[in-house]
N, C-alpha and C. Protein backbone atom coordinates (compact mmCIF):
# COMPACT_ATOMS: atom_id res chain seq x y z
N MET A 1 77.53 33.59 -73.07
CA MET A 1 77.63 34.03 -71.58
C MET A 1 77.92 35.55 -71.85
N ASN A 2 77.47 35.95 -70.68
CA ASN A 2 78.08 37.63 -70.82
C ASN A 2 79.47 38.01 -70.09
N VAL A 3 80.10 38.98 -70.24
CA VAL A 3 81.45 39.15 -70.05
C VAL A 3 81.58 40.43 -69.19
N LEU A 4 82.28 40.35 -68.02
CA LEU A 4 82.48 41.53 -67.19
C LEU A 4 83.78 42.05 -67.58
N VAL A 5 84.15 43.17 -67.96
CA VAL A 5 85.43 43.71 -68.23
C VAL A 5 85.98 44.49 -67.33
N ASP A 6 87.51 44.19 -66.98
CA ASP A 6 88.25 44.53 -66.02
C ASP A 6 89.16 45.75 -66.58
N THR A 7 89.21 46.84 -65.60
CA THR A 7 89.80 47.80 -65.97
C THR A 7 91.04 47.82 -66.86
N SER A 8 91.97 46.85 -66.96
CA SER A 8 93.20 46.53 -67.43
C SER A 8 92.55 46.44 -69.24
N VAL A 9 91.69 45.70 -69.31
CA VAL A 9 91.31 45.94 -70.67
C VAL A 9 90.81 47.04 -71.10
N TRP A 10 89.96 47.81 -70.55
CA TRP A 10 89.34 49.03 -71.01
C TRP A 10 90.48 50.05 -71.09
N SER A 11 91.57 50.12 -70.35
CA SER A 11 92.65 50.88 -70.33
C SER A 11 93.51 50.85 -71.38
N SER A 12 93.69 49.45 -71.97
CA SER A 12 94.47 49.08 -73.08
C SER A 12 93.85 49.95 -74.50
N VAL A 13 92.24 50.14 -74.53
CA VAL A 13 91.77 50.54 -75.39
C VAL A 13 91.34 52.02 -75.49
N LEU A 14 91.03 52.42 -74.37
CA LEU A 14 90.72 53.87 -74.03
C LEU A 14 91.61 54.77 -73.65
N ARG A 15 92.56 54.41 -72.92
CA ARG A 15 93.30 55.28 -72.20
C ARG A 15 94.69 55.38 -72.98
N ARG A 16 95.17 54.40 -73.86
CA ARG A 16 96.67 54.46 -74.40
C ARG A 16 96.55 55.30 -75.69
N LYS A 17 97.75 55.72 -75.88
CA LYS A 17 97.72 56.66 -77.29
C LYS A 17 97.64 55.46 -78.55
N ALA A 18 98.22 54.44 -78.43
CA ALA A 18 98.02 53.30 -79.39
C ALA A 18 97.27 52.22 -78.85
N PRO A 19 95.84 52.27 -78.92
CA PRO A 19 95.09 51.26 -78.36
C PRO A 19 95.28 49.85 -79.09
N ASP A 20 95.07 49.18 -78.17
CA ASP A 20 95.18 47.48 -78.57
C ASP A 20 94.26 47.36 -79.59
N LEU A 21 94.15 47.22 -80.68
CA LEU A 21 93.07 47.13 -81.76
C LEU A 21 92.34 45.69 -81.61
N THR A 22 93.12 44.69 -81.39
CA THR A 22 92.43 43.21 -81.30
C THR A 22 91.26 43.45 -80.20
N MET A 23 91.62 43.97 -79.11
CA MET A 23 90.94 44.02 -77.85
C MET A 23 89.70 44.85 -78.17
N LEU A 24 90.13 46.08 -78.91
CA LEU A 24 89.04 46.97 -79.29
C LEU A 24 87.95 46.36 -80.07
N ALA A 25 88.59 45.51 -81.13
CA ALA A 25 87.30 44.87 -81.86
C ALA A 25 86.39 43.79 -81.02
N GLU A 26 87.36 43.02 -80.29
CA GLU A 26 86.51 42.08 -79.49
C GLU A 26 85.62 42.79 -78.45
N LEU A 27 85.67 44.27 -78.05
CA LEU A 27 84.85 44.75 -77.14
C LEU A 27 83.89 45.07 -77.89
N ARG A 28 83.81 45.84 -79.22
CA ARG A 28 82.82 46.27 -79.93
C ARG A 28 82.07 44.91 -80.18
N ARG A 29 82.57 43.80 -80.54
CA ARG A 29 81.84 42.42 -80.79
C ARG A 29 80.81 42.43 -79.68
N LEU A 30 81.55 42.35 -78.66
CA LEU A 30 80.61 41.82 -77.31
C LEU A 30 79.82 42.89 -77.15
N MET A 31 79.84 44.03 -77.44
CA MET A 31 78.81 45.21 -77.24
C MET A 31 77.45 45.07 -78.18
N HIS A 32 78.03 44.72 -79.33
CA HIS A 32 77.10 44.42 -80.44
C HIS A 32 76.19 43.40 -80.02
N GLU A 33 76.87 42.27 -79.35
CA GLU A 33 75.97 40.96 -79.22
C GLU A 33 75.16 41.65 -77.75
N GLY A 34 75.27 42.35 -77.09
CA GLY A 34 74.62 42.77 -76.01
C GLY A 34 75.57 41.90 -74.65
N ARG A 35 76.57 41.66 -74.71
CA ARG A 35 77.06 40.47 -73.77
C ARG A 35 78.18 41.58 -72.89
N LEU A 36 78.32 42.60 -73.11
CA LEU A 36 79.56 43.47 -72.38
C LEU A 36 78.79 44.00 -71.10
N ARG A 37 79.69 43.93 -69.98
CA ARG A 37 79.27 43.96 -68.63
C ARG A 37 80.33 45.24 -68.04
N ILE A 38 79.91 46.09 -67.19
CA ILE A 38 80.77 47.07 -66.56
C ILE A 38 80.15 47.27 -65.19
N ILE A 39 81.06 47.50 -63.98
CA ILE A 39 80.72 47.95 -62.80
C ILE A 39 80.99 49.14 -62.39
N GLY A 40 80.47 49.80 -61.49
CA GLY A 40 80.75 51.33 -61.31
C GLY A 40 82.21 51.35 -60.86
N PRO A 41 82.59 50.36 -59.90
CA PRO A 41 83.84 50.65 -59.64
C PRO A 41 85.13 50.56 -60.29
N VAL A 42 84.81 49.76 -61.59
CA VAL A 42 85.89 49.70 -62.82
C VAL A 42 85.65 50.88 -63.47
N ARG A 43 84.46 51.45 -63.79
CA ARG A 43 84.20 52.99 -64.52
C ARG A 43 85.19 53.89 -63.52
N GLN A 44 85.03 53.80 -62.37
CA GLN A 44 85.82 54.87 -61.44
C GLN A 44 87.32 54.70 -61.68
N GLU A 45 87.69 53.43 -61.44
CA GLU A 45 89.16 53.13 -61.60
C GLU A 45 89.50 53.62 -62.97
N LEU A 46 88.94 53.45 -64.03
CA LEU A 46 89.17 53.86 -65.51
C LEU A 46 89.67 55.37 -65.55
N LEU A 47 88.36 55.83 -64.93
CA LEU A 47 88.51 57.52 -65.14
C LEU A 47 89.45 58.17 -63.96
N SER A 48 89.96 57.48 -63.03
CA SER A 48 90.74 57.84 -62.03
C SER A 48 92.13 57.96 -62.78
N GLY A 49 92.65 59.24 -62.51
CA GLY A 49 94.14 59.46 -63.02
C GLY A 49 94.28 59.97 -64.37
N ILE A 50 93.07 60.14 -65.03
CA ILE A 50 93.41 60.59 -66.47
C ILE A 50 93.67 62.47 -66.00
N ARG A 51 94.83 63.06 -66.47
CA ARG A 51 95.17 64.25 -66.19
C ARG A 51 94.60 65.09 -66.98
N ASP A 52 94.43 64.76 -68.26
CA ASP A 52 94.06 65.78 -69.50
C ASP A 52 92.17 65.45 -69.37
N SER A 53 91.75 66.80 -69.26
CA SER A 53 90.23 67.03 -69.17
C SER A 53 89.62 66.81 -70.46
N ASP A 54 90.28 66.84 -71.30
CA ASP A 54 89.59 66.58 -72.59
C ASP A 54 89.55 64.87 -72.75
N GLN A 55 90.69 64.43 -72.57
CA GLN A 55 90.96 62.88 -72.64
C GLN A 55 89.54 62.19 -71.68
N PHE A 56 89.70 62.73 -70.38
CA PHE A 56 88.74 62.33 -69.19
C PHE A 56 87.42 62.21 -69.98
N GLU A 57 87.03 63.42 -70.69
CA GLU A 57 85.67 63.58 -71.11
C GLU A 57 85.54 62.52 -72.16
N ARG A 58 86.25 62.24 -73.16
CA ARG A 58 86.09 61.38 -74.33
C ARG A 58 85.87 59.95 -73.68
N VAL A 59 86.48 59.49 -72.47
CA VAL A 59 86.34 58.20 -71.90
C VAL A 59 85.26 58.24 -71.22
N ARG A 60 84.70 59.19 -70.55
CA ARG A 60 83.35 59.30 -69.91
C ARG A 60 82.18 59.08 -70.93
N VAL A 61 82.43 59.58 -71.74
CA VAL A 61 81.23 59.60 -72.85
C VAL A 61 81.16 58.20 -73.46
N ARG A 62 82.38 57.79 -73.83
CA ARG A 62 82.35 56.14 -74.41
C ARG A 62 81.85 55.29 -73.44
N LEU A 63 82.15 55.49 -72.16
CA LEU A 63 81.70 54.55 -71.16
C LEU A 63 80.03 54.72 -70.82
N ALA A 64 79.76 56.03 -71.10
CA ALA A 64 78.32 56.40 -70.73
C ALA A 64 77.14 55.82 -71.49
N ALA A 65 77.53 54.92 -72.83
CA ALA A 65 77.07 54.16 -73.42
C ALA A 65 76.50 52.78 -72.69
N LEU A 66 77.41 52.62 -71.57
CA LEU A 66 76.93 51.36 -70.83
C LEU A 66 76.40 51.73 -69.61
N ALA A 67 75.34 50.59 -69.37
CA ALA A 67 74.90 50.98 -67.90
C ALA A 67 75.79 50.04 -67.10
N ASP A 68 75.70 50.35 -65.73
CA ASP A 68 76.37 49.75 -64.66
C ASP A 68 75.83 48.40 -64.51
N THR A 69 76.21 47.36 -64.00
CA THR A 69 75.94 46.31 -63.67
C THR A 69 75.30 46.55 -62.29
N GLU A 70 74.25 46.40 -61.49
CA GLU A 70 73.94 46.85 -60.25
C GLU A 70 74.82 45.81 -59.41
N LEU A 71 75.05 46.58 -58.08
CA LEU A 71 75.74 45.97 -57.27
C LEU A 71 74.94 45.68 -56.03
N GLU A 72 75.08 44.53 -55.30
CA GLU A 72 74.14 44.35 -54.01
C GLU A 72 74.93 44.18 -52.90
N THR A 73 74.57 44.42 -51.86
CA THR A 73 75.21 44.31 -50.51
C THR A 73 75.99 43.12 -50.19
N ASN A 74 75.31 42.02 -50.85
CA ASN A 74 76.27 40.65 -50.59
C ASN A 74 77.41 40.68 -51.68
N ASP A 75 77.48 41.41 -52.64
CA ASP A 75 78.39 41.44 -53.34
C ASP A 75 79.69 42.11 -52.76
N TYR A 76 79.51 43.06 -51.95
CA TYR A 76 80.72 43.51 -51.08
C TYR A 76 80.98 42.61 -50.10
N GLU A 77 79.76 42.06 -49.35
CA GLU A 77 80.28 40.76 -48.49
C GLU A 77 81.03 39.81 -48.97
N ASP A 78 80.84 39.32 -49.97
CA ASP A 78 81.28 38.02 -50.78
C ASP A 78 82.77 38.78 -51.22
N ALA A 79 82.91 39.97 -51.87
CA ALA A 79 84.19 40.29 -52.05
C ALA A 79 85.01 40.04 -50.84
N ALA A 80 84.75 40.49 -49.62
CA ALA A 80 85.50 40.46 -48.56
C ALA A 80 85.86 39.18 -48.25
N ARG A 81 85.03 38.18 -48.41
CA ARG A 81 85.21 36.82 -48.00
C ARG A 81 86.11 36.16 -49.03
N LEU A 82 86.25 36.62 -50.29
CA LEU A 82 87.08 36.19 -51.41
C LEU A 82 88.41 36.58 -50.99
N PHE A 83 88.26 37.80 -50.67
CA PHE A 83 89.91 38.66 -50.21
C PHE A 83 90.37 37.91 -49.06
N ASN A 84 89.68 37.53 -48.11
CA ASN A 84 90.13 37.02 -46.68
C ASN A 84 90.64 35.65 -47.31
N LEU A 85 89.64 34.73 -47.95
CA LEU A 85 90.20 33.25 -48.32
C LEU A 85 91.49 33.34 -49.30
N CYS A 86 91.61 34.09 -50.04
CA CYS A 86 92.63 34.27 -51.01
C CYS A 86 94.24 34.72 -50.05
N ARG A 87 93.95 35.76 -49.30
CA ARG A 87 94.81 36.30 -48.23
C ARG A 87 95.40 35.11 -47.32
N SER A 88 94.49 34.23 -46.96
CA SER A 88 94.86 33.18 -46.07
C SER A 88 95.81 32.10 -46.82
N ARG A 89 95.66 32.26 -48.01
CA ARG A 89 96.55 31.13 -48.72
C ARG A 89 97.58 31.98 -49.50
N GLY A 90 97.73 33.34 -48.83
CA GLY A 90 99.00 33.98 -49.64
C GLY A 90 98.86 34.85 -50.77
N VAL A 91 97.48 34.92 -51.21
CA VAL A 91 97.37 35.42 -52.35
C VAL A 91 96.58 36.93 -52.24
N GLN A 92 97.48 37.88 -52.76
CA GLN A 92 96.85 39.52 -52.46
C GLN A 92 95.96 39.85 -53.71
N GLY A 93 95.17 40.72 -53.70
CA GLY A 93 94.50 41.47 -54.63
C GLY A 93 93.75 42.88 -53.96
N SER A 94 93.36 43.51 -55.07
CA SER A 94 92.74 44.70 -54.64
C SER A 94 91.40 44.52 -54.20
N ASN A 95 90.78 45.55 -53.65
CA ASN A 95 89.14 45.19 -53.30
C ASN A 95 88.39 45.14 -54.57
N THR A 96 88.87 46.00 -55.38
CA THR A 96 88.10 46.10 -56.79
C THR A 96 88.19 44.85 -57.68
N ASP A 97 89.34 44.35 -57.55
CA ASP A 97 89.59 42.92 -58.30
C ASP A 97 88.47 41.92 -57.62
N PHE A 98 88.72 41.72 -56.18
CA PHE A 98 87.60 40.86 -55.47
C PHE A 98 86.03 41.18 -55.75
N LEU A 99 85.91 42.53 -55.97
CA LEU A 99 84.45 43.01 -56.11
C LEU A 99 84.18 42.20 -57.48
N ILE A 100 85.08 42.44 -58.48
CA ILE A 100 84.85 41.86 -59.70
C ILE A 100 84.67 40.35 -59.76
N CYS A 101 85.04 39.59 -58.86
CA CYS A 101 85.10 38.31 -58.73
C CYS A 101 83.83 37.96 -58.10
N ALA A 102 83.54 38.66 -57.00
CA ALA A 102 81.99 38.20 -56.47
C ALA A 102 81.10 38.43 -57.33
N VAL A 103 80.97 39.46 -58.20
CA VAL A 103 79.67 39.80 -59.28
C VAL A 103 79.97 38.78 -60.27
N SER A 104 81.10 38.33 -60.81
CA SER A 104 81.09 37.34 -61.62
C SER A 104 80.56 36.08 -61.10
N ILE A 105 80.84 35.66 -59.83
CA ILE A 105 80.43 34.46 -59.54
C ILE A 105 78.69 34.63 -59.61
N ARG A 106 78.28 35.57 -58.83
CA ARG A 106 76.87 35.76 -58.48
C ARG A 106 76.06 35.92 -59.77
N ALA A 107 76.36 36.52 -60.80
CA ALA A 107 75.79 37.00 -62.16
C ALA A 107 76.31 35.88 -62.99
N GLY A 108 77.17 34.91 -62.86
CA GLY A 108 77.60 33.98 -63.81
C GLY A 108 78.33 34.75 -65.14
N LEU A 109 79.19 35.70 -64.86
CA LEU A 109 79.62 36.28 -65.80
C LEU A 109 81.28 35.74 -66.17
N LYS A 110 82.05 35.93 -67.31
CA LYS A 110 83.21 35.42 -67.38
C LYS A 110 83.79 36.95 -67.17
N ILE A 111 85.13 36.82 -67.04
CA ILE A 111 85.93 38.00 -66.65
C ILE A 111 87.05 38.38 -67.75
N PHE A 112 86.93 39.23 -68.35
CA PHE A 112 87.79 39.71 -69.56
C PHE A 112 88.75 40.67 -68.65
N THR A 113 90.06 40.33 -68.88
CA THR A 113 91.20 41.00 -68.26
C THR A 113 92.36 40.44 -68.88
N THR A 114 93.32 41.46 -68.63
CA THR A 114 94.67 41.39 -69.00
C THR A 114 95.53 41.07 -67.77
N ASP A 115 95.06 41.21 -66.44
CA ASP A 115 95.63 41.29 -65.06
C ASP A 115 96.14 39.83 -65.00
N ASN A 116 97.27 39.46 -64.69
CA ASN A 116 97.46 38.13 -64.26
C ASN A 116 96.96 37.70 -62.91
N ASP A 117 96.73 38.52 -62.10
CA ASP A 117 96.42 38.16 -60.74
C ASP A 117 94.95 37.25 -60.87
N PHE A 118 94.16 37.63 -61.95
CA PHE A 118 92.87 36.80 -62.17
C PHE A 118 93.24 35.49 -62.36
N ALA A 119 94.14 35.10 -62.98
CA ALA A 119 94.64 33.76 -63.16
C ALA A 119 94.99 33.24 -62.04
N VAL A 120 95.69 33.51 -61.24
CA VAL A 120 95.93 33.18 -59.88
C VAL A 120 94.74 33.11 -59.07
N PHE A 121 93.58 33.87 -58.92
CA PHE A 121 92.56 33.98 -58.24
C PHE A 121 91.82 32.49 -58.69
N ALA A 122 91.63 32.55 -59.99
CA ALA A 122 90.89 31.30 -60.62
C ALA A 122 91.41 29.96 -60.00
N ARG A 123 92.31 29.80 -59.69
CA ARG A 123 92.93 28.63 -58.93
C ARG A 123 92.20 28.51 -57.54
N LEU A 124 91.79 29.55 -57.16
CA LEU A 124 91.23 29.60 -55.95
C LEU A 124 89.79 29.48 -55.52
N LEU A 125 89.10 30.16 -56.59
CA LEU A 125 87.75 30.74 -56.62
C LEU A 125 87.12 30.23 -57.80
N PRO A 126 85.81 30.16 -57.84
CA PRO A 126 84.99 29.68 -58.75
C PRO A 126 84.76 30.80 -59.91
N ILE A 127 85.70 31.18 -60.30
CA ILE A 127 85.43 32.38 -61.43
C ILE A 127 85.99 31.55 -62.93
N GLU A 128 85.28 32.20 -64.06
CA GLU A 128 85.84 31.92 -65.20
C GLU A 128 86.25 33.07 -66.16
N LEU A 129 87.36 32.95 -66.60
CA LEU A 129 88.12 33.94 -67.23
C LEU A 129 87.67 33.85 -68.73
N TYR A 130 87.61 35.21 -69.32
CA TYR A 130 87.25 35.18 -70.92
C TYR A 130 88.37 35.11 -71.63
N VAL A 131 88.50 34.33 -72.60
CA VAL A 131 89.57 34.16 -73.46
C VAL A 131 89.00 34.25 -75.07
N PHE A 132 89.15 35.40 -75.59
CA PHE A 132 88.62 35.65 -76.83
C PHE A 132 89.32 34.83 -78.00
N PRO A 133 88.74 34.32 -79.09
CA PRO A 133 89.29 33.69 -79.90
C PRO A 133 90.06 34.55 -80.68
N LEU A 134 91.20 34.15 -81.15
CA LEU A 134 92.14 34.73 -81.99
C LEU A 134 91.65 34.57 -83.33
N ARG A 135 91.38 35.35 -84.23
CA ARG A 135 90.97 35.37 -85.51
C ARG A 135 92.33 35.34 -86.52
N SER A 136 92.30 34.35 -87.35
CA SER A 136 93.35 34.45 -88.47
C SER A 136 93.19 35.04 -89.36
N ALA A 137 94.12 35.60 -90.11
CA ALA A 137 94.05 36.63 -91.40
C ALA A 137 93.66 35.71 -92.63
């Protein structure tokens, strides 16, 4: 199954001075297998707030190797519906989070994230989280 990667994972490998090497290796494996997916709003979130123009360019170039998964009008409508459903049950999230959920549901993608909000969403929404296998040394 293909995997939609959330901003939290990208940030841990591309924006930090000491990247999470385990996650980096998993992203490389998924990319090599052709299973890695990104959406434009995640790309924008990741690039937003990078103050150093050299770092911005390095991250932008690395992400340029990935084509965005196309978004459809119903993805935005479904994201709003999911937002409203969760909010009615006392669960908050960002617009981008619910767009990730909507695309995941439509396209049958697992969500790779370190954001604990998605575990809460998964109790209410038909999303599947990606848990990568830890390799023993």
